[in-house]
Amino acid sequence: MNKGPAYFKALKVIDSCITDDHFNATRSYLDNYFNVFVKNSTNYFEHRSALELFDALVEKFHEKLNKK
């Protein structure tokens, strides 16, 4: 599964967060990203790379959340 486009969309979604509703929707998007790409990985290397990207997204999300 190609996680690249979903990763870059998640970055855009995080960058566009302004209100609490945006942050709640972004949390849902990140949950879906985790379920699709991390939980459904077929091998260790795919799982590891998806988890690293997910961790980067969560870190960026927390940074944006703390700036508001």
PDB file of N, CA and C in Angstrom:
ATOM      1  N   MET A   1       0.834  -1.178   0.000  1.00  0.00           N
ATOM      2  CA  MET A   1       0.000   0.000   0.000  1.00  0.00           C
ATOM      3  C   MET A   1       0.881   1.245   0.000  1.00  0.00           C
ATOM      4  N   ASN A   2       0.542   2.205  -0.813  1.00  0.00           N
ATOM      5  CA  ASN A   2       1.331   3.430  -0.915  1.00  0.00           C
ATOM      6  C   ASN A   2       0.851   4.451   0.113  1.00  0.00           C
ATOM      7  N   LYS A   3       1.677   4.670   1.120  1.00  0.00           N
ATOM      8  CA  LYS A   3       1.291   5.579   2.201  1.00  0.00           C
ATOM      9  C   LYS A   3       1.749   7.007   1.982  1.00  0.00           C
ATOM     10  N   GLY A   4       2.504   7.259   0.936  1.00  0.00           N
ATOM     11  CA  GLY A   4       3.039   8.593   0.672  1.00  0.00           C
ATOM     12  C   GLY A   4       1.989   9.675   0.510  1.00  0.00           C
ATOM     13  N   PRO A   5       1.023   9.500  -0.404  1.00  0.00           N
ATOM     14  CA  PRO A   5       0.006  10.544  -0.578  1.00  0.00           C
ATOM     15  C   PRO A   5      -0.806  10.805   0.698  1.00  0.00           C
ATOM     16  N   ALA A   6      -1.121   9.759   1.430  1.00  0.00           N
ATOM     17  CA  ALA A   6      -1.876   9.930   2.678  1.00  0.00           C
ATOM     18  C   ALA A   6      -1.043  10.669   3.720  1.00  0.00           C
ATOM     19  N   TYR A   7       0.254  10.424   3.742  1.00  0.00           N
ATOM     20  CA  TYR A   7       1.145  11.113   4.668  1.00  0.00           C
ATOM     21  C   TYR A   7       1.186  12.610   4.358  1.00  0.00           C
ATOM     22  N   PHE A   8       1.360  12.952   3.084  1.00  0.00           N
ATOM     23  CA  PHE A   8       1.433  14.368   2.717  1.00  0.00           C
ATOM     24  C   PHE A   8       0.095  15.076   2.910  1.00  0.00           C
ATOM     25  N   LYS A   9      -1.012  14.360   2.699  1.00  0.00           N
ATOM     26  CA  LYS A   9      -2.317  14.945   2.980  1.00  0.00           C
ATOM     27  C   LYS A   9      -2.463  15.192   4.481  1.00  0.00           C
ATOM     28  N   ALA A  10      -1.996  14.263   5.292  1.00  0.00           N
ATOM     29  CA  ALA A  10      -2.067  14.435   6.751  1.00  0.00           C
ATOM     30  C   ALA A  10      -1.271  15.661   7.187  1.00  0.00           C
ATOM     31  N   LEU A  11      -0.122  15.892   6.570  1.00  0.00           N
ATOM     32  CA  LEU A  11       0.658  17.094   6.884  1.00  0.00           C
ATOM     33  C   LEU A  11      -0.135  18.358   6.562  1.00  0.00           C
ATOM     34  N   LYS A  12      -0.815  18.362   5.411  1.00  0.00           N
ATOM     35  CA  LYS A  12      -1.627  19.522   5.032  1.00  0.00           C
ATOM     36  C   LYS A  12      -2.792  19.707   5.998  1.00  0.00           C
ATOM     37  N   VAL A  13      -3.407  18.609   6.392  1.00  0.00           N
ATOM     38  CA  VAL A  13      -4.531  18.677   7.332  1.00  0.00           C
ATOM     39  C   VAL A  13      -4.060  19.251   8.669  1.00  0.00           C
ATOM     40  N   ILE A  14      -2.918  18.803   9.144  1.00  0.00           N
ATOM     41  CA  ILE A  14      -2.373  19.306  10.400  1.00  0.00           C
ATOM     42  C   ILE A  14      -2.049  20.791  10.288  1.00  0.00           C
ATOM     43  N   ASP A  15      -1.428  21.185   9.197  1.00  0.00           N
ATOM     44  CA  ASP A  15      -1.071  22.595   9.008  1.00  0.00           C
ATOM     45  C   ASP A  15      -2.291  23.499   8.951  1.00  0.00           C
ATOM     46  N   SER A  16      -3.421  22.988   8.507  1.00  0.00           N
ATOM     47  CA  SER A  16      -4.613  23.815   8.353  1.00  0.00           C
ATOM     48  C   SER A  16      -5.465  23.903   9.617  1.00  0.00           C
ATOM     49  N   CYS A  17      -5.080  23.223  10.683  1.00  0.00           N
ATOM     50  CA  CYS A  17      -5.868  23.237  11.919  1.00  0.00           C
ATOM     51  C   CYS A  17      -5.889  24.628  12.539  1.00  0.00           C
ATOM     52  N   ILE A  18      -7.108  25.088  12.853  1.00  0.00           N
ATOM     53  CA  ILE A  18      -7.275  26.379  13.513  1.00  0.00           C
ATOM     54  C   ILE A  18      -8.175  26.243  14.741  1.00  0.00           C
ATOM     55  N   THR A  19      -9.314  25.591  14.568  1.00  0.00           N
ATOM     56  CA  THR A  19     -10.297  25.490  15.652  1.00  0.00           C
ATOM     57  C   THR A  19     -10.234  24.109  16.300  1.00  0.00           C
ATOM     58  N   ASP A  20     -10.948  23.990  17.412  1.00  0.00           N
ATOM     59  CA  ASP A  20     -11.023  22.692  18.090  1.00  0.00           C
ATOM     60  C   ASP A  20     -11.658  21.637  17.202  1.00  0.00           C
ATOM     61  N   ASP A  21     -12.627  22.036  16.391  1.00  0.00           N
ATOM     62  CA  ASP A  21     -13.247  21.077  15.465  1.00  0.00           C
ATOM     63  C   ASP A  21     -12.227  20.541  14.463  1.00  0.00           C
ATOM     64  N   HIS A  22     -11.341  21.420  13.997  1.00  0.00           N
ATOM     65  CA  HIS A  22     -10.288  20.981  13.081  1.00  0.00           C
ATOM     66  C   HIS A  22      -9.369  19.967  13.757  1.00  0.00           C
ATOM     67  N   PHE A  23      -9.004  20.251  15.016  1.00  0.00           N
ATOM     68  CA  PHE A  23      -8.114  19.341  15.731  1.00  0.00           C
ATOM     69  C   PHE A  23      -8.784  17.985  15.970  1.00  0.00           C
ATOM     70  N   ASN A  24     -10.084  18.006  16.272  1.00  0.00           N
ATOM     71  CA  ASN A  24     -10.804  16.742  16.471  1.00  0.00           C
ATOM     72  C   ASN A  24     -10.873  15.941  15.178  1.00  0.00           C
ATOM     73  N   ALA A  25     -11.120  16.624  14.067  1.00  0.00           N
ATOM     74  CA  ALA A  25     -11.162  15.939  12.772  1.00  0.00           C
ATOM     75  C   ALA A  25      -9.786  15.383  12.410  1.00  0.00           C
ATOM     76  N   THR A  26      -8.748  16.125  12.749  1.00  0.00           N
ATOM     77  CA  THR A  26      -7.388  15.665  12.461  1.00  0.00           C
ATOM     78  C   THR A  26      -7.048  14.433  13.288  1.00  0.00           C
ATOM     79  N   ARG A  27      -7.504  14.410  14.518  1.00  0.00           N
ATOM     80  CA  ARG A  27      -7.298  13.201  15.345  1.00  0.00           C
ATOM     81  C   ARG A  27      -7.927  11.991  14.671  1.00  0.00           C
ATOM     82  N   SER A  28      -9.140  12.166  14.155  1.00  0.00           N
ATOM     83  CA  SER A  28      -9.816  11.061  13.455  1.00  0.00           C
ATOM     84  C   SER A  28      -9.024  10.639  12.223  1.00  0.00           C
ATOM     85  N   TYR A  29      -8.504  11.614  11.476  1.00  0.00           N
ATOM     86  CA  TYR A  29      -7.706  11.302  10.289  1.00  0.00           C
ATOM     87  C   TYR A  29      -6.461  10.507  10.679  1.00  0.00           C
ATOM     88  N   LEU A  30      -5.803  10.926  11.769  1.00  0.00           N
ATOM     89  CA  LEU A  30      -4.607  10.212  12.219  1.00  0.00           C
ATOM     90  C   LEU A  30      -4.954   8.800  12.697  1.00  0.00           C
ATOM     91  N   ASP A  31      -6.105   8.642  13.355  1.00  0.00           N
ATOM     92  CA  ASP A  31      -6.547   7.303  13.760  1.00  0.00           C
ATOM     93  C   ASP A  31      -6.759   6.414  12.538  1.00  0.00           C
ATOM     94  N   ASN A  32      -7.389   6.975  11.514  1.00  0.00           N
ATOM     95  CA  ASN A  32      -7.609   6.208  10.284  1.00  0.00           C
ATOM     96  C   ASN A  32      -6.287   5.865   9.609  1.00  0.00           C
ATOM     97  N   TYR A  33      -5.362   6.821   9.587  1.00  0.00           N
ATOM     98  CA  TYR A  33      -4.033   6.565   9.010  1.00  0.00           C
ATOM     99  C   TYR A  33      -3.378   5.391   9.734  1.00  0.00           C
ATOM    100  N   PHE A  34      -3.447   5.400  11.057  1.00  0.00           N
ATOM    101  CA  PHE A  34      -2.861   4.313  11.846  1.00  0.00           C
ATOM    102  C   PHE A  34      -3.514   2.975  11.508  1.00  0.00           C
ATOM    103  N   ASN A  35      -4.845   2.964  11.467  1.00  0.00           N
ATOM    104  CA  ASN A  35      -5.556   1.713  11.199  1.00  0.00           C
ATOM    105  C   ASN A  35      -5.257   1.166   9.812  1.00  0.00           C
ATOM    106  N   VAL A  36      -5.168   2.035   8.834  1.00  0.00           N
ATOM    107  CA  VAL A  36      -4.956   1.574   7.457  1.00  0.00           C
ATOM    108  C   VAL A  36      -3.510   1.166   7.211  1.00  0.00           C
ATOM    109  N   PHE A  37      -2.549   1.976   7.652  1.00  0.00           N
ATOM    110  CA  PHE A  37      -1.162   1.754   7.252  1.00  0.00           C
ATOM    111  C   PHE A  37      -0.313   1.034   8.297  1.00  0.00           C
ATOM    112  N   VAL A  38      -0.580   1.236   9.565  1.00  0.00           N
ATOM    113  CA  VAL A  38       0.247   0.589  10.591  1.00  0.00           C
ATOM    114  C   VAL A  38      -0.332  -0.776  10.956  1.00  0.00           C
ATOM    115  N   LYS A  39      -1.599  -0.812  11.283  1.00  0.00           N
ATOM    116  CA  LYS A  39      -2.219  -2.085  11.686  1.00  0.00           C
ATOM    117  C   LYS A  39      -2.277  -3.102  10.553  1.00  0.00           C
ATOM    118  N   ASN A  40      -2.451  -2.642   9.339  1.00  0.00           N
ATOM    119  CA  ASN A  40      -2.609  -3.558   8.207  1.00  0.00           C
ATOM    120  C   ASN A  40      -1.315  -3.852   7.463  1.00  0.00           C
ATOM    121  N   SER A  41      -0.161  -3.514   8.052  1.00  0.00           N
ATOM    122  CA  SER A  41       1.108  -3.813   7.377  1.00  0.00           C
ATOM    123  C   SER A  41       1.316  -5.314   7.304  1.00  0.00           C
ATOM    124  N   THR A  42       1.899  -5.721   6.196  1.00  0.00           N
ATOM    125  CA  THR A  42       2.048  -7.160   5.961  1.00  0.00           C
ATOM    126  C   THR A  42       3.388  -7.721   6.420  1.00  0.00           C
ATOM    127  N   ASN A  43       4.389  -6.876   6.589  1.00  0.00           N
ATOM    128  CA  ASN A  43       5.678  -7.377   7.058  1.00  0.00           C
ATOM    129  C   ASN A  43       6.331  -6.362   7.982  1.00  0.00           C
ATOM    130  N   TYR A  44       7.412  -6.760   8.605  1.00  0.00           N
ATOM    131  CA  TYR A  44       8.073  -5.930   9.615  1.00  0.00           C
ATOM    132  C   TYR A  44       8.542  -4.597   9.047  1.00  0.00           C
ATOM    133  N   PHE A  45       9.168  -4.600   7.894  1.00  0.00           N
ATOM    134  CA  PHE A  45       9.743  -3.367   7.342  1.00  0.00           C
ATOM    135  C   PHE A  45       8.654  -2.367   6.946  1.00  0.00           C
ATOM    136  N   GLU A  46       7.581  -2.877   6.384  1.00  0.00           N
ATOM    137  CA  GLU A  46       6.456  -2.014   6.034  1.00  0.00           C
ATOM    138  C   GLU A  46       5.831  -1.433   7.306  1.00  0.00           C
ATOM    139  N   HIS A  47       5.685  -2.279   8.312  1.00  0.00           N
ATOM    140  CA  HIS A  47       5.128  -1.835   9.594  1.00  0.00           C
ATOM    141  C   HIS A  47       6.017  -0.763  10.221  1.00  0.00           C
ATOM    142  N   ARG A  48       7.299  -1.001  10.213  1.00  0.00           N
ATOM    143  CA  ARG A  48       8.258  -0.065  10.820  1.00  0.00           C
ATOM    144  C   ARG A  48       8.246   1.290  10.109  1.00  0.00           C
ATOM    145  N   SER A  49       8.236   1.292   8.791  1.00  0.00           N
ATOM    146  CA  SER A  49       8.237   2.569   8.067  1.00  0.00           C
ATOM    147  C   SER A  49       6.920   3.314   8.272  1.00  0.00           C
ATOM    148  N   ALA A  50       5.799   2.598   8.280  1.00  0.00           N
ATOM    149  CA  ALA A  50       4.503   3.236   8.523  1.00  0.00           C
ATOM    150  C   ALA A  50       4.443   3.813   9.933  1.00  0.00           C
ATOM    151  N   LEU A  51       5.011   3.106  10.900  1.00  0.00           N
ATOM    152  CA  LEU A  51       5.008   3.578  12.273  1.00  0.00           C
ATOM    153  C   LEU A  51       5.889   4.814  12.439  1.00  0.00           C
ATOM    154  N   GLU A  52       7.011   4.858  11.750  1.00  0.00           N
ATOM    155  CA  GLU A  52       7.881   6.041  11.807  1.00  0.00           C
ATOM    156  C   GLU A  52       7.181   7.263  11.218  1.00  0.00           C
ATOM    157  N   LEU A  53       6.493   7.094  10.100  1.00  0.00           N
ATOM    158  CA  LEU A  53       5.745   8.202   9.507  1.00  0.00           C
ATOM    159  C   LEU A  53       4.614   8.643  10.430  1.00  0.00           C
ATOM    160  N   PHE A  54       3.932   7.686  11.030  1.00  0.00           N
ATOM    161  CA  PHE A  54       2.849   8.007  11.955  1.00  0.00           C
ATOM    162  C   PHE A  54       3.383   8.784  13.163  1.00  0.00           C
ATOM    163  N   ASP A  55       4.508   8.366  13.699  1.00  0.00           N
ATOM    164  CA  ASP A  55       5.112   9.076  14.831  1.00  0.00           C
ATOM    165  C   ASP A  55       5.464  10.519  14.458  1.00  0.00           C
ATOM    166  N   ALA A  56       5.957  10.729  13.249  1.00  0.00           N
ATOM    167  CA  ALA A  56       6.275  12.082  12.793  1.00  0.00           C
ATOM    168  C   ALA A  56       5.001  12.925  12.694  1.00  0.00           C
ATOM    169  N   LEU A  57       3.925  12.328  12.213  1.00  0.00           N
ATOM    170  CA  LEU A  57       2.654  13.047  12.126  1.00  0.00           C
ATOM    171  C   LEU A  57       2.118  13.419  13.500  1.00  0.00           C
ATOM    172  N   VAL A  58       2.201  12.493  14.427  1.00  0.00           N
ATOM    173  CA  VAL A  58       1.714  12.760  15.781  1.00  0.00           C
ATOM    174  C   VAL A  58       2.537  13.861  16.438  1.00  0.00           C
ATOM    175  N   GLU A  59       3.837  13.839  16.235  1.00  0.00           N
ATOM    176  CA  GLU A  59       4.701  14.879  16.795  1.00  0.00           C
ATOM    177  C   GLU A  59       4.340  16.249  16.218  1.00  0.00           C
ATOM    178  N   LYS A  60       4.141  16.312  14.913  1.00  0.00           N
ATOM    179  CA  LYS A  60       3.755  17.573  14.270  1.00  0.00           C
ATOM    180  C   LYS A  60       2.386  18.026  14.763  1.00  0.00           C
ATOM    181  N   PHE A  61       1.471  17.096  14.934  1.00  0.00           N
ATOM    182  CA  PHE A  61       0.142  17.417  15.445  1.00  0.00           C
ATOM    183  C   PHE A  61       0.232  18.011  16.853  1.00  0.00           C
ATOM    184  N   HIS A  62       1.035  17.416  17.705  1.00  0.00           N
ATOM    185  CA  HIS A  62       1.177  17.920  19.071  1.00  0.00           C
ATOM    186  C   HIS A  62       1.827  19.300  19.093  1.00  0.00           C
ATOM    187  N   GLU A  63       2.779  19.527  18.218  1.00  0.00           N
ATOM    188  CA  GLU A  63       3.399  20.845  18.126  1.00  0.00           C
ATOM    189  C   GLU A  63       2.352  21.897  17.732  1.00  0.00           C
ATOM    190  N   LYS A  64       1.536  21.581  16.747  1.00  0.00           N
ATOM    191  CA  LYS A  64       0.505  22.507  16.279  1.00  0.00           C
ATOM    192  C   LYS A  64      -0.539  22.728  17.381  1.00  0.00           C
ATOM    193  N   LEU A  65      -0.906  21.680  18.075  1.00  0.00           N
ATOM    194  CA  LEU A  65      -1.888  21.770  19.149  1.00  0.00           C
ATOM    195  C   LEU A  65      -1.388  22.644  20.281  1.00  0.00           C
ATOM    196  N   ASN A  66      -0.115  22.553  20.604  1.00  0.00           N
ATOM    197  CA  ASN A  66       0.457  23.353  21.698  1.00  0.00           C
ATOM    198  C   ASN A  66       0.650  24.811  21.314  1.00  0.00           C
ATOM    199  N   LYS A  67       0.670  25.124  20.021  1.00  0.00           N
ATOM    200  CA  LYS A  67       0.826  26.507  19.566  1.00  0.00           C
ATOM    201  C   LYS A  67      -0.466  27.296  19.608  1.00  0.00           C
ATOM    202  N   LYS A  68      -1.588  26.587  19.628  1.00  0.00           N
ATOM    203  CA  LYS A  68      -2.874  27.306  19.508  1.00  0.00           C
ATOM    204  C   LYS A  68      -3.229  28.118  20.699  1.00  0.00           C
TER     205      LYS A  68
END
